[in-house]
C-alpha atoms as a PDB file:
ATOM      1  CA  MET A   1     -25.232 -80.286 -25.498  1.00  0.00           C
ATOM      2  CA  ARG A   2     -22.533 -81.414 -23.097  1.00  0.00           C
ATOM      3  CA  ARG A   3     -20.915 -77.992 -22.943  1.00  0.00           C
ATOM      4  CA  CYS A   4     -23.836 -75.565 -23.216  1.00  0.00           C
ATOM      5  CA  VAL A   5     -26.752 -75.693 -20.795  1.00  0.00           C
ATOM      6  CA  ILE A   6     -28.612 -73.027 -22.794  1.00  0.00           C
ATOM      7  CA  ASP A   7     -28.563 -75.100 -25.978  1.00  0.00           C
ATOM      8  CA  ASP A   8     -29.623 -78.169 -24.021  1.00  0.00           C
ATOM      9  CA  LEU A   9     -32.546 -76.528 -22.195  1.00  0.00           C
ATOM     10  CA  GLY A  10     -33.499 -73.746 -24.593  1.00  0.00           C
ATOM     11  CA  GLY A  11     -33.015 -75.553 -27.887  1.00  0.00           C
ATOM     12  CA  LEU A  12     -31.134 -74.475 -30.976  1.00  0.00           C
ATOM     13  CA  LEU A  13     -31.198 -74.564 -34.761  1.00  0.00           C
ATOM     14  CA  VAL A  14     -28.100 -75.329 -36.833  1.00  0.00           C
ATOM     15  CA  THR A  15     -28.430 -74.487 -40.549  1.00  0.00           C
ATOM     16  CA  GLN A  16     -24.836 -74.980 -41.691  1.00  0.00           C
ATOM     17  CA  GLY A  17     -24.346 -76.818 -44.989  1.00  0.00           C
ATOM     18  CA  ASN A  18     -27.959 -76.200 -46.117  1.00  0.00           C
ATOM     19  CA  ARG A  19     -29.203 -78.562 -43.427  1.00  0.00           C
ATOM     20  CA  ASN A  20     -31.656 -77.953 -40.641  1.00  0.00           C
ATOM     21  CA  ALA A  21     -30.601 -79.619 -37.400  1.00  0.00           C
ATOM     22  CA  PRO A  22     -33.095 -78.410 -34.791  1.00  0.00           C
ATOM     23  CA  ARG A  23     -33.228 -79.241 -31.119  1.00  0.00           C
ATOM     24  CA  ARG A  24     -36.613 -78.572 -29.557  1.00  0.00           C
ATOM     25  CA  SER A  25     -36.597 -76.592 -26.346  1.00  0.00           C
ATOM     26  CA  VAL A  26     -37.071 -78.496 -23.087  1.00  0.00           C
ATOM     27  CA  ALA A  27     -39.405 -75.723 -21.881  1.00  0.00           C
ATOM     28  CA  GLN A  28     -42.481 -74.689 -23.850  1.00  0.00           C
ATOM     29  CA  PHE A  29     -44.670 -71.685 -23.070  1.00  0.00           C
ATOM     30  CA  GLY A  30     -48.123 -70.553 -24.125  1.00  0.00           C
ATOM     31  CA  TRP A  31     -49.073 -66.915 -24.532  1.00  0.00           C
ATOM     32  CA  LEU A  32     -49.931 -65.025 -21.343  1.00  0.00           C
ATOM     33  CA  LEU A  33     -53.593 -64.333 -22.098  1.00  0.00           C
ATOM     34  CA  GLY A  34     -56.011 -62.033 -20.336  1.00  0.00           C
ATOM     35  CA  VAL A  35     -59.074 -63.799 -18.965  1.00  0.00           C
ATOM     36  CA  PRO A  36     -62.108 -62.360 -20.814  1.00  0.00           C
ATOM     37  CA  ASP A  37     -64.056 -59.777 -18.804  1.00  0.00           C
ATOM     38  CA  HIS A  38     -61.294 -59.737 -16.180  1.00  0.00           C
ATOM     39  CA  VAL A  39     -58.737 -57.442 -17.825  1.00  0.00           C
ATOM     40  CA  ARG A  40     -58.692 -53.666 -18.240  1.00  0.00           C
ATOM     41  CA  THR A  41     -56.224 -51.602 -20.262  1.00  0.00           C
ATOM     42  CA  GLY A  42     -55.657 -47.867 -19.920  1.00  0.00           C
ATOM     43  CA  SER A  43     -53.267 -45.253 -21.264  1.00  0.00           C
ATOM     44  CA  TYR A  44     -51.377 -43.051 -18.829  1.00  0.00           C
ATOM     45  CA  THR A  45     -49.448 -39.817 -19.380  1.00  0.00           C
ATOM     46  CA  HIS A  46     -45.932 -39.543 -17.972  1.00  0.00           C
ATOM     47  CA  VAL A  47     -43.791 -36.442 -17.669  1.00  0.00           C
ATOM     48  CA  LYS A  48     -40.033 -36.246 -17.621  1.00  0.00           C
ATOM     49  CA  LEU A  49     -39.601 -32.994 -15.741  1.00  0.00           C
ATOM     50  CA  VAL A  50     -36.512 -30.945 -16.494  1.00  0.00           C
ATOM     51  CA  PRO A  51     -36.119 -27.891 -14.202  1.00  0.00           C
ATOM     52  CA  GLY A  52     -35.865 -24.700 -16.220  1.00  0.00           C
ATOM     53  CA  ALA A  53     -37.073 -26.237 -19.462  1.00  0.00           C
ATOM     54  CA  ALA A  54     -39.762 -23.976 -20.868  1.00  0.00           C
ATOM     55  CA  GLU A  55     -40.750 -26.127 -23.820  1.00  0.00           C
ATOM     56  CA  GLU A  56     -41.065 -29.746 -24.749  1.00  0.00           C
ATOM     57  CA  ASP A  57     -38.004 -31.311 -26.392  1.00  0.00           C
ATOM     58  CA  THR A  58     -38.840 -31.925 -30.062  1.00  0.00           C
ATOM     59  CA  GLY A  59     -35.301 -32.333 -31.364  1.00  0.00           C
ATOM     60  CA  GLY A  60     -34.870 -35.956 -30.320  1.00  0.00           C
ATOM     61  CA  SER A  61     -31.992 -35.249 -27.914  1.00  0.00           C
ATOM     62  CA  ASN A  62     -33.953 -36.479 -24.867  1.00  0.00           C
ATOM     63  CA  ARG A  63     -32.444 -33.657 -22.802  1.00  0.00           C
ATOM     64  CA  GLY A  64     -35.507 -31.468 -22.503  1.00  0.00           C
ATOM     65  CA  GLN A  65     -38.923 -31.949 -20.982  1.00  0.00           C
ATOM     66  CA  ASN A  66     -40.951 -34.787 -22.500  1.00  0.00           C
ATOM     67  CA  LEU A  67     -44.536 -35.931 -22.348  1.00  0.00           C
ATOM     68  CA  PHE A  68     -45.278 -39.517 -23.287  1.00  0.00           C
ATOM     69  CA  LYS A  69     -48.035 -42.070 -22.876  1.00  0.00           C
ATOM     70  CA  ARG A  70     -47.774 -45.676 -21.822  1.00  0.00           C
ATOM     71  CA  PRO A  71     -50.457 -48.384 -21.903  1.00  0.00           C
ATOM     72  CA  ALA A  72     -50.978 -50.466 -18.770  1.00  0.00           C
ATOM     73  CA  SER A  73     -53.177 -53.487 -18.198  1.00  0.00           C
ATOM     74  CA  SER A  74     -54.553 -54.956 -15.009  1.00  0.00           C
ATOM     75  CA  GLY A  75     -56.483 -58.128 -14.431  1.00  0.00           C
ATOM     76  CA  GLN A  76     -56.317 -61.908 -14.361  1.00  0.00           C
ATOM     77  CA  TYR A  77     -54.099 -63.762 -16.820  1.00  0.00           C
ATOM     78  CA  ALA A  78     -53.931 -67.377 -17.938  1.00  0.00           C
ATOM     79  CA  PHE A  79     -50.592 -69.133 -18.361  1.00  0.00           C
ATOM     80  CA  VAL A  80     -49.558 -72.634 -19.430  1.00  0.00           C
ATOM     81  CA  THR A  81     -46.114 -74.184 -19.653  1.00  0.00           C
ATOM     82  CA  GLN A  82     -44.552 -77.607 -20.019  1.00  0.00           C
ATOM     83  CA  VAL A  83     -41.033 -78.575 -18.955  1.00  0.00           C
ATOM     84  CA  SER A  84     -39.770 -81.948 -20.171  1.00  0.00           C
ATOM     85  CA  LEU A  85     -37.096 -82.732 -17.592  1.00  0.00           C
ATOM     86  CA  GLY A  86     -36.580 -86.196 -19.055  1.00  0.00           C
ATOM     87  CA  ARG A  87     -35.220 -84.660 -22.269  1.00  0.00           C
ATOM     88  CA  ILE A  88     -32.384 -82.839 -20.505  1.00  0.00           C
ATOM     89  CA  GLY A  89     -29.084 -84.149 -21.814  1.00  0.00           C
ATOM     90  CA  TYR A  90     -30.862 -86.465 -24.247  1.00  0.00           C
ATOM     91  CA  ASN A  91     -29.667 -86.664 -27.856  1.00  0.00           C
ATOM     92  CA  ASP A  92     -32.811 -86.952 -29.981  1.00  0.00           C
ATOM     93  CA  ILE A  93     -30.857 -88.317 -32.948  1.00  0.00           C
ATOM     94  CA  SER A  94     -28.825 -91.026 -31.228  1.00  0.00           C
ATOM     95  CA  ALA A  95     -31.647 -91.683 -28.739  1.00  0.00           C
ATOM     96  CA  ARG A  96     -29.344 -91.758 -25.732  1.00  0.00           C
ATOM     97  CA  TYR A  97     -28.216 -89.499 -22.908  1.00  0.00           C
ATOM     98  CA  VAL A  98     -24.928 -87.719 -23.505  1.00  0.00           C
ATOM     99  CA  VAL A  99     -24.788 -85.859 -20.161  1.00  0.00           C
ATOM    100  CA  ASP A 100     -24.117 -87.692 -16.896  1.00  0.00           C
ATOM    101  CA  PRO A 101     -26.985 -88.115 -14.374  1.00  0.00           C
ATOM    102  CA  ALA A 102     -25.609 -85.688 -11.768  1.00  0.00           C
ATOM    103  CA  GLU A 103     -25.261 -82.886 -14.319  1.00  0.00           C
ATOM    104  CA  ARG A 104     -28.740 -83.591 -15.712  1.00  0.00           C
ATOM    105  CA  ALA A 105     -30.136 -83.262 -12.188  1.00  0.00           C
ATOM    106  CA  ASN A 106     -28.348 -79.926 -11.716  1.00  0.00           C
ATOM    107  CA  ARG A 107     -29.747 -78.645 -15.010  1.00  0.00           C
ATOM    108  CA  ALA A 108     -33.248 -79.815 -14.088  1.00  0.00           C
ATOM    109  CA  ARG A 109     -33.092 -77.924 -10.804  1.00  0.00           C
ATOM    110  CA  ALA A 110     -31.867 -74.804 -12.596  1.00  0.00           C
ATOM    111  CA  ALA A 111     -34.735 -75.069 -15.096  1.00  0.00           C
ATOM    112  CA  LEU A 112     -37.383 -75.308 -12.361  1.00  0.00           C
ATOM    113  CA  GLN A 113     -35.832 -72.467 -10.388  1.00  0.00           C
ATOM    114  CA  ALA A 114     -35.768 -70.285 -13.520  1.00  0.00           C
ATOM    115  CA  LEU A 115     -39.425 -71.125 -14.187  1.00  0.00           C
ATOM    116  CA  TYR A 116     -40.412 -70.076 -10.680  1.00  0.00           C
ATOM    117  CA  LEU A 117     -38.458 -66.820 -10.902  1.00  0.00           C
ATOM    118  CA  THR A 118     -40.138 -66.065 -14.224  1.00  0.00           C
ATOM    119  CA  LEU A 119     -43.525 -66.226 -12.514  1.00  0.00           C
ATOM    120  CA  ALA A 120     -42.740 -64.876  -9.043  1.00  0.00           C
ATOM    121  CA  ALA A 121     -40.231 -62.145  -9.970  1.00  0.00           C
ATOM    122  CA  PRO A 122     -40.925 -61.061 -13.579  1.00  0.00           C
ATOM    123  CA  THR A 123     -38.358 -58.816 -15.244  1.00  0.00           C
ATOM    124  CA  GLY A 124     -38.201 -56.980 -18.546  1.00  0.00           C
ATOM    125  CA  ALA A 125     -38.477 -53.599 -20.185  1.00  0.00           C
ATOM    126  CA  GLN A 126     -40.023 -50.469 -18.634  1.00  0.00           C
ATOM    127  CA  ARG A 127     -39.856 -51.836 -15.091  1.00  0.00           C
ATOM    128  CA  ASN A 128     -38.781 -48.395 -13.841  1.00  0.00           C
ATOM    129  CA  THR A 129     -42.429 -47.288 -14.144  1.00  0.00           C
ATOM    130  CA  GLN A 130     -44.389 -50.485 -14.847  1.00  0.00           C
ATOM    131  CA  LEU A 131     -43.178 -53.082 -12.359  1.00  0.00           C
ATOM    132  CA  PRO A 132     -46.033 -55.627 -12.158  1.00  0.00           C
ATOM    133  CA  HIS A 133     -48.243 -55.760  -9.066  1.00  0.00           C
ATOM    134  CA  LEU A 134     -48.319 -59.533  -8.606  1.00  0.00           C
ATOM    135  CA  GLN A 135     -51.276 -60.208  -6.311  1.00  0.00           C
ATOM    136  CA  GLY A 136     -51.503 -63.969  -6.405  1.00  0.00           C
ATOM    137  CA  ALA A 137     -51.612 -67.158  -8.396  1.00  0.00           C
ATOM    138  CA  ARG A 138     -53.674 -70.304  -8.403  1.00  0.00           C
ATOM    139  CA  GLY A 139     -53.561 -73.368 -10.547  1.00  0.00           C
ATOM    140  CA  VAL A 140     -52.346 -76.923 -10.722  1.00  0.00           C
ATOM    141  CA  VAL A 141     -49.051 -78.615 -11.522  1.00  0.00           C
ATOM    142  CA  CYS A 142     -49.217 -81.924 -13.377  1.00  0.00           C
ATOM    143  CA  LEU A 143     -46.268 -84.235 -12.747  1.00  0.00           C
ATOM    144  CA  ALA A 144     -45.683 -87.033 -15.255  1.00  0.00           C
ATOM    145  CA  PHE A 145     -43.384 -89.842 -14.140  1.00  0.00           C
ATOM    146  CA  GLY A 146     -43.850 -92.062 -17.191  1.00  0.00           C
ATOM    147  CA  SER A 147     -44.281 -91.875 -20.948  1.00  0.00           C
ATOM    148  CA  THR A 148     -47.746 -90.285 -20.760  1.00  0.00           C
ATOM    149  CA  PRO A 149     -47.421 -86.522 -21.296  1.00  0.00           C
ATOM    150  CA  PRO A 150     -48.525 -84.167 -18.518  1.00  0.00           C
ATOM    151  CA  VAL A 151     -52.103 -82.934 -18.661  1.00  0.00           C
ATOM    152  CA  LEU A 152     -52.656 -79.411 -19.953  1.00  0.00           C
ATOM    153  CA  PHE A 153     -55.928 -77.488 -19.957  1.00  0.00           C
ATOM    154  CA  SER A 154     -56.341 -73.751 -20.410  1.00  0.00           C
ATOM    155  CA  PRO A 155     -56.992 -71.736 -17.235  1.00  0.00           C
ATOM    156  CA  LEU A 156     -59.113 -69.435 -19.396  1.00  0.00           C
ATOM    157  CA  GLN A 157     -61.874 -71.821 -18.315  1.00  0.00           C
ATOM    158  CA  ASP A 158     -63.095 -71.399 -14.733  1.00  0.00           C
ATOM    159  CA  ASP A 159     -63.222 -75.161 -14.164  1.00  0.00           C
ATOM    160  CA  PHE A 160     -59.740 -75.897 -15.538  1.00  0.00           C
ATOM    161  CA  VAL A 161     -58.625 -77.734 -12.376  1.00  0.00           C
ATOM    162  CA  THR A 162     -61.634 -80.078 -12.558  1.00  0.00           C
ATOM    163  CA  GLN A 163     -61.057 -80.594 -16.280  1.00  0.00           C
ATOM    164  CA  MET A 164     -57.409 -81.485 -15.738  1.00  0.00           C
ATOM    165  CA  GLY A 165     -58.408 -84.014 -13.110  1.00  0.00           C
ATOM    166  CA  ALA A 166     -60.956 -85.557 -15.475  1.00  0.00           C
ATOM    167  CA  ILE A 167     -58.376 -85.829 -18.272  1.00  0.00           C
ATOM    168  CA  ALA A 168     -55.823 -87.387 -15.911  1.00  0.00           C
ATOM    169  CA  ASP A 169     -58.442 -89.913 -14.784  1.00  0.00           C
ATOM    170  CA  ALA A 170     -59.259 -90.707 -18.418  1.00  0.00           C
ATOM    171  CA  PHE A 171     -55.589 -91.515 -18.947  1.00  0.00           C
ATOM    172  CA  GLY A 172     -55.617 -93.622 -15.784  1.00  0.00           C
ATOM    173  CA  ARG A 173     -53.529 -91.274 -13.674  1.00  0.00           C
ATOM    174  CA  ALA A 174     -52.184 -93.775 -11.150  1.00  0.00           C
ATOM    175  CA  GLU A 175     -51.283 -96.443 -13.705  1.00  0.00           C
ATOM    176  CA  ARG A 176     -49.767 -93.865 -16.080  1.00  0.00           C
ATOM    177  CA  GLY A 177     -47.681 -92.086 -13.445  1.00  0.00           C
ATOM    178  CA  LEU A 178     -49.609 -88.804 -13.416  1.00  0.00           C
ATOM    179  CA  ALA A 179     -50.034 -86.650 -10.323  1.00  0.00           C
ATOM    180  CA  LEU A 180     -51.859 -83.327  -9.935  1.00  0.00           C
ATOM    181  CA  VAL A 181     -50.889 -80.862  -7.221  1.00  0.00           C
ATOM    182  CA  GLU A 182     -53.028 -77.759  -6.737  1.00  0.00           C
ATOM    183  CA  PHE A 183     -51.725 -74.409  -5.452  1.00  0.00           C
ATOM    184  CA  GLY A 184     -53.524 -71.293  -4.306  1.00  0.00           C
ATOM    185  CA  THR A 185     -50.662 -68.851  -3.751  1.00  0.00           C
ATOM    186  CA  VAL A 186     -47.346 -67.946  -5.362  1.00  0.00           C
ATOM    187  CA  GLY A 187     -45.579 -69.341  -2.313  1.00  0.00           C
ATOM    188  CA  GLU A 188     -47.334 -72.711  -2.607  1.00  0.00           C
ATOM    189  CA  LEU A 189     -46.240 -72.939  -6.237  1.00  0.00           C
ATOM    190  CA  GLY A 190     -42.680 -72.309  -5.100  1.00  0.00           C
ATOM    191  CA  GLN A 191     -42.913 -75.117  -2.573  1.00  0.00           C
ATOM    192  CA  ILE A 192     -44.224 -77.535  -5.223  1.00  0.00           C
ATOM    193  CA  LEU A 193     -41.408 -76.691  -7.646  1.00  0.00           C
ATOM    194  CA  LYS A 194     -38.843 -76.886  -4.839  1.00  0.00           C
ATOM    195  CA  ALA A 195     -40.125 -80.337  -3.931  1.00  0.00           C
ATOM    196  CA  ALA A 196     -39.947 -81.294  -7.605  1.00  0.00           C
ATOM    197  CA  THR A 197     -36.261 -80.378  -7.660  1.00  0.00           C
ATOM    198  CA  ASP A 198     -35.749 -82.780  -4.748  1.00  0.00           C
ATOM    199  CA  TRP A 199     -37.642 -85.531  -6.601  1.00  0.00           C
ATOM    200  CA  VAL A 200     -35.483 -85.073  -9.681  1.00  0.00           C
ATOM    201  CA  GLY A 201     -32.349 -86.632  -8.178  1.00  0.00           C
ATOM    202  CA  PRO A 202     -30.197 -88.211 -10.878  1.00  0.00           C
ATOM    203  CA  VAL A 203     -32.669 -88.098 -13.777  1.00  0.00           C
ATOM    204  CA  ASN A 204     -32.920 -91.465 -15.499  1.00  0.00           C
ATOM    205  CA  GLY A 205     -35.635 -90.692 -18.029  1.00  0.00           C
END
């Protein structure tokens, strides 16, 4: 945990000696789900044109002309995630921090920056022909400054922002250290997460 940021943030599982010693990931993600009635999927034909090739390549060499189909979806998608910054550098077994505060703060900033890049600049396979057309984002960030967990409610529901506010109020948001910050663009989300990195400072819990 002291030496490897990936193990600290992303979790790990050690099975040596017929024992399971898991470390739960600091970041947790829900499936990226299409909002019902707001997603369409189609299949598109692509051609790899090879000048002078009279026939399609059927020998598997990938040197001739090829026809292939790729599915593509377009629409609105719902996404939920939770990042437990207070667990960075924390040994769940000994119940104490084993990484110094300055390094925990650096790791927390890196985690939030990686989260924002995941949403604002997605990468992955087949981006040469299927780079996503990101048109916007709206939602709410719940910040939890105490022991009460952050509020989560699925954006598959149209009124998810109102529902999150109602849940936070039921917890007693002010007394429990909960804050909700809405965003209506990808840029606004970036500003919220950037501000959160400034709030992190030397993480104490």
